[in-house]
Amino acid sequence: MAESTIEQHTLAGWDKPDLDLSAADWHSSSKGRGDVQIAFVEGFIAMRNGGSPQNPSLIFTPAEWGAFVLGAREGEFDLT
């Protein structure tokens, strides 16, 4: 088998810890398909798909979360 030439690099500015989310208190936006869940863990905000909780979660700093929430409130992510 050929040796892999793929290198893994740390992303610039990626200073988020590897959080243990196993005991996180997840909050749901709704109940149903495509349910988005968030948890506040060790000063960070984790977001996951409640329909597939085994998949990786997105981790936000408070500043990133604030910018996301503000953008959502202002319709930045509306698809219409």
PDB file of N, CA and C in Angstrom:
ATOM      1  N   MET A   1       0.851  -1.180   0.000  1.00  0.00           N
ATOM      2  CA  MET A   1       0.000   0.000   0.000  1.00  0.00           C
ATOM      3  C   MET A   1       0.892   1.238   0.000  1.00  0.00           C
ATOM      4  N   ALA A   2       0.536   2.211  -0.805  1.00  0.00           N
ATOM      5  CA  ALA A   2       1.321   3.441  -0.913  1.00  0.00           C
ATOM      6  C   ALA A   2       1.163   4.288   0.339  1.00  0.00           C
ATOM      7  N   GLU A   3       2.231   4.960   0.696  1.00  0.00           N
ATOM      8  CA  GLU A   3       2.200   5.838   1.863  1.00  0.00           C
ATOM      9  C   GLU A   3       1.422   7.108   1.521  1.00  0.00           C
ATOM     10  N   SER A   4       0.612   7.570   2.449  1.00  0.00           N
ATOM     11  CA  SER A   4      -0.192   8.769   2.230  1.00  0.00           C
ATOM     12  C   SER A   4       0.697  10.004   2.189  1.00  0.00           C
ATOM     13  N   THR A   5       0.387  10.903   1.278  1.00  0.00           N
ATOM     14  CA  THR A   5       1.125  12.163   1.194  1.00  0.00           C
ATOM     15  C   THR A   5       0.292  13.329   1.712  1.00  0.00           C
ATOM     16  N   ILE A   6      -0.859  13.018   2.279  1.00  0.00           N
ATOM     17  CA  ILE A   6      -1.734  14.064   2.801  1.00  0.00           C
ATOM     18  C   ILE A   6      -1.206  14.527   4.151  1.00  0.00           C
ATOM     19  N   GLU A   7      -1.041  15.830   4.288  1.00  0.00           N
ATOM     20  CA  GLU A   7      -0.596  16.404   5.551  1.00  0.00           C
ATOM     21  C   GLU A   7      -1.775  17.080   6.230  1.00  0.00           C
ATOM     22  N   GLN A   8      -1.833  16.953   7.530  1.00  0.00           N
ATOM     23  CA  GLN A   8      -2.873  17.635   8.278  1.00  0.00           C
ATOM     24  C   GLN A   8      -2.274  18.873   8.916  1.00  0.00           C
ATOM     25  N   HIS A   9      -2.936  19.997   8.717  1.00  0.00           N
ATOM     26  CA  HIS A   9      -2.468  21.260   9.270  1.00  0.00           C
ATOM     27  C   HIS A   9      -3.524  21.816  10.213  1.00  0.00           C
ATOM     28  N   THR A  10      -3.075  22.394  11.289  1.00  0.00           N
ATOM     29  CA  THR A  10      -3.985  23.081  12.187  1.00  0.00           C
ATOM     30  C   THR A  10      -4.432  24.370  11.514  1.00  0.00           C
ATOM     31  N   LEU A  11      -5.719  24.639  11.571  1.00  0.00           N
ATOM     32  CA  LEU A  11      -6.238  25.861  10.972  1.00  0.00           C
ATOM     33  C   LEU A  11      -5.772  27.069  11.765  1.00  0.00           C
ATOM     34  N   ALA A  12      -5.399  28.107  11.071  1.00  0.00           N
ATOM     35  CA  ALA A  12      -4.975  29.339  11.727  1.00  0.00           C
ATOM     36  C   ALA A  12      -6.120  29.888  12.564  1.00  0.00           C
ATOM     37  N   GLY A  13      -5.838  30.227  13.794  1.00  0.00           N
ATOM     38  CA  GLY A  13      -6.857  30.791  14.666  1.00  0.00           C
ATOM     39  C   GLY A  13      -7.742  29.754  15.331  1.00  0.00           C
ATOM     40  N   TRP A  14      -7.482  28.483  15.097  1.00  0.00           N
ATOM     41  CA  TRP A  14      -8.316  27.427  15.690  1.00  0.00           C
ATOM     42  C   TRP A  14      -7.834  27.175  17.108  1.00  0.00           C
ATOM     43  N   ASP A  15      -8.442  27.860  18.054  1.00  0.00           N
ATOM     44  CA  ASP A  15      -8.004  27.753  19.439  1.00  0.00           C
ATOM     45  C   ASP A  15      -9.108  27.192  20.324  1.00  0.00           C
ATOM     46  N   LYS A  16      -9.934  26.329  19.762  1.00  0.00           N
ATOM     47  CA  LYS A  16     -11.043  25.754  20.515  1.00  0.00           C
ATOM     48  C   LYS A  16     -10.631  24.395  21.070  1.00  0.00           C
ATOM     49  N   PRO A  17     -11.006  24.138  22.305  1.00  0.00           N
ATOM     50  CA  PRO A  17     -10.618  22.864  22.910  1.00  0.00           C
ATOM     51  C   PRO A  17     -11.462  21.708  22.383  1.00  0.00           C
ATOM     52  N   ASP A  18     -10.971  20.520  22.605  1.00  0.00           N
ATOM     53  CA  ASP A  18     -11.721  19.311  22.293  1.00  0.00           C
ATOM     54  C   ASP A  18     -12.635  19.058  23.489  1.00  0.00           C
ATOM     55  N   LEU A  19     -13.867  19.521  23.405  1.00  0.00           N
ATOM     56  CA  LEU A  19     -14.796  19.464  24.533  1.00  0.00           C
ATOM     57  C   LEU A  19     -15.407  18.084  24.700  1.00  0.00           C
ATOM     58  N   ASP A  20     -15.632  17.691  25.952  1.00  0.00           N
ATOM     59  CA  ASP A  20     -16.356  16.459  26.248  1.00  0.00           C
ATOM     60  C   ASP A  20     -17.840  16.809  26.268  1.00  0.00           C
ATOM     61  N   LEU A  21     -18.561  16.390  25.247  1.00  0.00           N
ATOM     62  CA  LEU A  21     -19.983  16.722  25.121  1.00  0.00           C
ATOM     63  C   LEU A  21     -20.891  15.596  25.603  1.00  0.00           C
ATOM     64  N   SER A  22     -20.312  14.549  26.183  1.00  0.00           N
ATOM     65  CA  SER A  22     -21.103  13.379  26.576  1.00  0.00           C
ATOM     66  C   SER A  22     -22.139  13.697  27.653  1.00  0.00           C
ATOM     67  N   ALA A  23     -21.873  14.669  28.507  1.00  0.00           N
ATOM     68  CA  ALA A  23     -22.819  15.019  29.570  1.00  0.00           C
ATOM     69  C   ALA A  23     -23.463  16.385  29.328  1.00  0.00           C
ATOM     70  N   ALA A  24     -23.348  16.898  28.106  1.00  0.00           N
ATOM     71  CA  ALA A  24     -23.897  18.222  27.792  1.00  0.00           C
ATOM     72  C   ALA A  24     -25.417  18.228  27.919  1.00  0.00           C
ATOM     73  N   ASP A  25     -25.950  19.362  28.338  1.00  0.00           N
ATOM     74  CA  ASP A  25     -27.395  19.567  28.444  1.00  0.00           C
ATOM     75  C   ASP A  25     -27.851  20.230  27.146  1.00  0.00           C
ATOM     76  N   TRP A  26     -28.343  19.427  26.213  1.00  0.00           N
ATOM     77  CA  TRP A  26     -28.708  19.906  24.884  1.00  0.00           C
ATOM     78  C   TRP A  26     -30.093  20.537  24.900  1.00  0.00           C
ATOM     79  N   HIS A  27     -30.224  21.679  24.230  1.00  0.00           N
ATOM     80  CA  HIS A  27     -31.491  22.402  24.105  1.00  0.00           C
ATOM     81  C   HIS A  27     -31.920  22.362  22.643  1.00  0.00           C
ATOM     82  N   SER A  28     -33.188  22.047  22.413  1.00  0.00           N
ATOM     83  CA  SER A  28     -33.703  21.907  21.054  1.00  0.00           C
ATOM     84  C   SER A  28     -34.475  23.131  20.611  1.00  0.00           C
ATOM     85  N   SER A  29     -34.367  23.417  19.317  1.00  0.00           N
ATOM     86  CA  SER A  29     -35.151  24.498  18.732  1.00  0.00           C
ATOM     87  C   SER A  29     -36.573  24.034  18.462  1.00  0.00           C
ATOM     88  N   SER A  30     -36.725  22.752  18.228  1.00  0.00           N
ATOM     89  CA  SER A  30     -38.033  22.164  17.937  1.00  0.00           C
ATOM     90  C   SER A  30     -37.906  20.661  18.104  1.00  0.00           C
ATOM     91  N   LYS A  31     -39.003  19.996  17.953  1.00  0.00           N
ATOM     92  CA  LYS A  31     -38.984  18.535  17.981  1.00  0.00           C
ATOM     93  C   LYS A  31     -39.320  18.044  16.586  1.00  0.00           C
ATOM     94  N   GLY A  32     -38.426  17.316  15.999  1.00  0.00           N
ATOM     95  CA  GLY A  32     -38.719  16.796  14.674  1.00  0.00           C
ATOM     96  C   GLY A  32     -37.489  16.656  13.816  1.00  0.00           C
ATOM     97  N   ARG A  33     -37.716  16.404  12.580  1.00  0.00           N
ATOM     98  CA  ARG A  33     -36.648  16.177  11.616  1.00  0.00           C
ATOM     99  C   ARG A  33     -35.822  17.446  11.413  1.00  0.00           C
ATOM    100  N   GLY A  34     -34.521  17.293  11.385  1.00  0.00           N
ATOM    101  CA  GLY A  34     -33.654  18.444  11.183  1.00  0.00           C
ATOM    102  C   GLY A  34     -33.524  19.315  12.413  1.00  0.00           C
ATOM    103  N   ASP A  35     -33.810  18.749  13.558  1.00  0.00           N
ATOM    104  CA  ASP A  35     -33.786  19.477  14.820  1.00  0.00           C
ATOM    105  C   ASP A  35     -32.375  19.958  15.151  1.00  0.00           C
ATOM    106  N   VAL A  36     -32.218  21.257  15.328  1.00  0.00           N
ATOM    107  CA  VAL A  36     -30.934  21.836  15.730  1.00  0.00           C
ATOM    108  C   VAL A  36     -30.909  21.902  17.249  1.00  0.00           C
ATOM    109  N   GLN A  37     -29.806  21.447  17.832  1.00  0.00           N
ATOM    110  CA  GLN A  37     -29.648  21.478  19.278  1.00  0.00           C
ATOM    111  C   GLN A  37     -28.382  22.245  19.633  1.00  0.00           C
ATOM    112  N   ILE A  38     -28.437  22.953  20.767  1.00  0.00           N
ATOM    113  CA  ILE A  38     -27.256  23.655  21.260  1.00  0.00           C
ATOM    114  C   ILE A  38     -27.026  23.286  22.718  1.00  0.00           C
ATOM    115  N   ALA A  39     -25.770  23.408  23.131  1.00  0.00           N
ATOM    116  CA  ALA A  39     -25.392  23.182  24.525  1.00  0.00           C
ATOM    117  C   ALA A  39     -24.304  24.191  24.880  1.00  0.00           C
ATOM    118  N   PHE A  40     -24.339  24.657  26.107  1.00  0.00           N
ATOM    119  CA  PHE A  40     -23.328  25.583  26.614  1.00  0.00           C
ATOM    120  C   PHE A  40     -22.369  24.769  27.476  1.00  0.00           C
ATOM    121  N   VAL A  41     -21.120  24.666  27.022  1.00  0.00           N
ATOM    122  CA  VAL A  41     -20.141  23.800  27.677  1.00  0.00           C
ATOM    123  C   VAL A  41     -18.819  24.542  27.852  1.00  0.00           C
ATOM    124  N   GLU A  42     -18.398  24.692  29.084  1.00  0.00           N
ATOM    125  CA  GLU A  42     -17.087  25.269  29.409  1.00  0.00           C
ATOM    126  C   GLU A  42     -16.833  26.606  28.708  1.00  0.00           C
ATOM    127  N   GLY A  43     -17.853  27.451  28.626  1.00  0.00           N
ATOM    128  CA  GLY A  43     -17.695  28.766  28.021  1.00  0.00           C
ATOM    129  C   GLY A  43     -17.820  28.792  26.511  1.00  0.00           C
ATOM    130  N   PHE A  44     -18.113  27.663  25.904  1.00  0.00           N
ATOM    131  CA  PHE A  44     -18.302  27.573  24.459  1.00  0.00           C
ATOM    132  C   PHE A  44     -19.733  27.142  24.171  1.00  0.00           C
ATOM    133  N   ILE A  45     -20.143  27.275  22.919  1.00  0.00           N
ATOM    134  CA  ILE A  45     -21.469  26.851  22.493  1.00  0.00           C
ATOM    135  C   ILE A  45     -21.280  25.757  21.453  1.00  0.00           C
ATOM    136  N   ALA A  46     -21.912  24.615  21.700  1.00  0.00           N
ATOM    137  CA  ALA A  46     -21.859  23.494  20.761  1.00  0.00           C
ATOM    138  C   ALA A  46     -23.200  23.411  20.045  1.00  0.00           C
ATOM    139  N   MET A  47     -23.173  23.120  18.758  1.00  0.00           N
ATOM    140  CA  MET A  47     -24.385  22.967  17.961  1.00  0.00           C
ATOM    141  C   MET A  47     -24.308  21.631  17.234  1.00  0.00           C
ATOM    142  N   ARG A  48     -25.431  20.917  17.228  1.00  0.00           N
ATOM    143  CA  ARG A  48     -25.463  19.635  16.526  1.00  0.00           C
ATOM    144  C   ARG A  48     -26.827  19.407  15.897  1.00  0.00           C
ATOM    145  N   ASN A  49     -26.878  18.431  15.019  1.00  0.00           N
ATOM    146  CA  ASN A  49     -28.122  17.976  14.414  1.00  0.00           C
ATOM    147  C   ASN A  49     -28.718  16.944  15.360  1.00  0.00           C
ATOM    148  N   GLY A  50     -29.847  17.268  15.981  1.00  0.00           N
ATOM    149  CA  GLY A  50     -30.483  16.361  16.922  1.00  0.00           C
ATOM    150  C   GLY A  50     -30.924  15.054  16.292  1.00  0.00           C
ATOM    151  N   GLY A  51     -31.134  15.050  14.982  1.00  0.00           N
ATOM    152  CA  GLY A  51     -31.516  13.828  14.288  1.00  0.00           C
ATOM    153  C   GLY A  51     -30.348  12.884  14.086  1.00  0.00           C
ATOM    154  N   SER A  52     -29.135  13.402  14.209  1.00  0.00           N
ATOM    155  CA  SER A  52     -27.915  12.598  14.067  1.00  0.00           C
ATOM    156  C   SER A  52     -26.906  13.024  15.132  1.00  0.00           C
ATOM    157  N   PRO A  53     -27.243  12.834  16.402  1.00  0.00           N
ATOM    158  CA  PRO A  53     -26.371  13.331  17.468  1.00  0.00           C
ATOM    159  C   PRO A  53     -24.996  12.670  17.520  1.00  0.00           C
ATOM    160  N   GLN A  54     -24.828  11.553  16.838  1.00  0.00           N
ATOM    161  CA  GLN A  54     -23.527  10.885  16.821  1.00  0.00           C
ATOM    162  C   GLN A  54     -22.533  11.599  15.909  1.00  0.00           C
ATOM    163  N   ASN A  55     -23.018  12.454  15.026  1.00  0.00           N
ATOM    164  CA  ASN A  55     -22.135  13.196  14.125  1.00  0.00           C
ATOM    165  C   ASN A  55     -21.432  14.323  14.879  1.00  0.00           C
ATOM    166  N   PRO A  56     -20.350  14.851  14.319  1.00  0.00           N
ATOM    167  CA  PRO A  56     -19.616  15.921  15.005  1.00  0.00           C
ATOM    168  C   PRO A  56     -20.474  17.166  15.245  1.00  0.00           C
ATOM    169  N   SER A  57     -20.146  17.862  16.307  1.00  0.00           N
ATOM    170  CA  SER A  57     -20.812  19.119  16.644  1.00  0.00           C
ATOM    171  C   SER A  57     -19.948  20.286  16.195  1.00  0.00           C
ATOM    172  N   LEU A  58     -20.593  21.399  15.910  1.00  0.00           N
ATOM    173  CA  LEU A  58     -19.873  22.640  15.637  1.00  0.00           C
ATOM    174  C   LEU A  58     -19.634  23.333  16.969  1.00  0.00           C
ATOM    175  N   ILE A  59     -18.458  23.899  17.146  1.00  0.00           N
ATOM    176  CA  ILE A  59     -18.115  24.584  18.390  1.00  0.00           C
ATOM    177  C   ILE A  59     -17.894  26.060  18.085  1.00  0.00           C
ATOM    178  N   PHE A  60     -18.557  26.926  18.857  1.00  0.00           N
ATOM    179  CA  PHE A  60     -18.471  28.369  18.670  1.00  0.00           C
ATOM    180  C   PHE A  60     -17.944  29.035  19.934  1.00  0.00           C
ATOM    181  N   THR A  61     -17.160  30.093  19.758  1.00  0.00           N
ATOM    182  CA  THR A  61     -16.818  30.956  20.882  1.00  0.00           C
ATOM    183  C   THR A  61     -18.036  31.839  21.145  1.00  0.00           C
ATOM    184  N   PRO A  62     -18.111  32.487  22.307  1.00  0.00           N
ATOM    185  CA  PRO A  62     -19.236  33.400  22.549  1.00  0.00           C
ATOM    186  C   PRO A  62     -19.340  34.502  21.488  1.00  0.00           C
ATOM    187  N   ALA A  63     -18.214  35.025  21.023  1.00  0.00           N
ATOM    188  CA  ALA A  63     -18.250  36.075  19.993  1.00  0.00           C
ATOM    189  C   ALA A  63     -18.792  35.531  18.673  1.00  0.00           C
ATOM    190  N   GLU A  64     -18.367  34.336  18.299  1.00  0.00           N
ATOM    191  CA  GLU A  64     -18.871  33.721  17.065  1.00  0.00           C
ATOM    192  C   GLU A  64     -20.359  33.440  17.173  1.00  0.00           C
ATOM    193  N   TRP A  65     -20.786  32.929  18.332  1.00  0.00           N
ATOM    194  CA  TRP A  65     -22.201  32.631  18.536  1.00  0.00           C
ATOM    195  C   TRP A  65     -23.028  33.913  18.463  1.00  0.00           C
ATOM    196  N   GLY A  66     -22.535  34.976  19.086  1.00  0.00           N
ATOM    197  CA  GLY A  66     -23.240  36.254  19.042  1.00  0.00           C
ATOM    198  C   GLY A  66     -23.404  36.761  17.620  1.00  0.00           C
ATOM    199  N   ALA A  67     -22.356  36.640  16.814  1.00  0.00           N
ATOM    200  CA  ALA A  67     -22.428  37.069  15.415  1.00  0.00           C
ATOM    201  C   ALA A  67     -23.416  36.205  14.635  1.00  0.00           C
ATOM    202  N   PHE A  68     -23.422  34.910  14.906  1.00  0.00           N
ATOM    203  CA  PHE A  68     -24.362  34.002  14.240  1.00  0.00           C
ATOM    204  C   PHE A  68     -25.806  34.357  14.592  1.00  0.00           C
ATOM    205  N   VAL A  69     -26.082  34.535  15.873  1.00  0.00           N
ATOM    206  CA  VAL A  69     -27.446  34.856  16.313  1.00  0.00           C
ATOM    207  C   VAL A  69     -27.894  36.191  15.724  1.00  0.00           C
ATOM    208  N   LEU A  70     -27.025  37.189  15.744  1.00  0.00           N
ATOM    209  CA  LEU A  70     -27.362  38.494  15.171  1.00  0.00           C
ATOM    210  C   LEU A  70     -27.664  38.357  13.680  1.00  0.00           C
ATOM    211  N   GLY A  71     -26.840  37.607  12.962  1.00  0.00           N
ATOM    212  CA  GLY A  71     -27.080  37.392  11.534  1.00  0.00           C
ATOM    213  C   GLY A  71     -28.399  36.687  11.278  1.00  0.00           C
ATOM    214  N   ALA A  72     -28.718  35.695  12.107  1.00  0.00           N
ATOM    215  CA  ALA A  72     -29.987  34.976  11.949  1.00  0.00           C
ATOM    216  C   ALA A  72     -31.166  35.905  12.200  1.00  0.00           C
ATOM    217  N   ARG A  73     -31.065  36.723  13.228  1.00  0.00           N
ATOM    218  CA  ARG A  73     -32.153  37.665  13.535  1.00  0.00           C
ATOM    219  C   ARG A  73     -32.358  38.676  12.416  1.00  0.00           C
ATOM    220  N   GLU A  74     -31.278  39.047  11.751  1.00  0.00           N
ATOM    221  CA  GLU A  74     -31.359  40.041  10.676  1.00  0.00           C
ATOM    222  C   GLU A  74     -31.672  39.418   9.319  1.00  0.00           C
ATOM    223  N   GLY A  75     -31.879  38.098   9.275  1.00  0.00           N
ATOM    224  CA  GLY A  75     -32.259  37.438   8.033  1.00  0.00           C
ATOM    225  C   GLY A  75     -31.104  37.105   7.111  1.00  0.00           C
ATOM    226  N   GLU A  76     -29.889  37.161   7.618  1.00  0.00           N
ATOM    227  CA  GLU A  76     -28.709  36.912   6.788  1.00  0.00           C
ATOM    228  C   GLU A  76     -28.718  35.524   6.151  1.00  0.00           C
ATOM    229  N   PHE A  77     -29.357  34.569   6.798  1.00  0.00           N
ATOM    230  CA  PHE A  77     -29.326  33.191   6.311  1.00  0.00           C
ATOM    231  C   PHE A  77     -30.629  32.749   5.663  1.00  0.00           C
ATOM    232  N   ASP A  78     -31.569  33.678   5.475  1.00  0.00           N
ATOM    233  CA  ASP A  78     -32.839  33.333   4.838  1.00  0.00           C
ATOM    234  C   ASP A  78     -32.598  32.879   3.400  1.00  0.00           C
ATOM    235  N   LEU A  79     -33.274  31.846   3.003  1.00  0.00           N
ATOM    236  CA  LEU A  79     -33.090  31.295   1.661  1.00  0.00           C
ATOM    237  C   LEU A  79     -34.086  31.842   0.651  1.00  0.00           C
ATOM    238  N   THR A  80     -34.994  32.673   1.087  1.00  0.00           N
ATOM    239  CA  THR A  80     -36.000  33.210   0.159  1.00  0.00           C
ATOM    240  C   THR A  80     -35.624  34.577  -0.343  1.00  0.00           C
TER     241      THR A  80
END
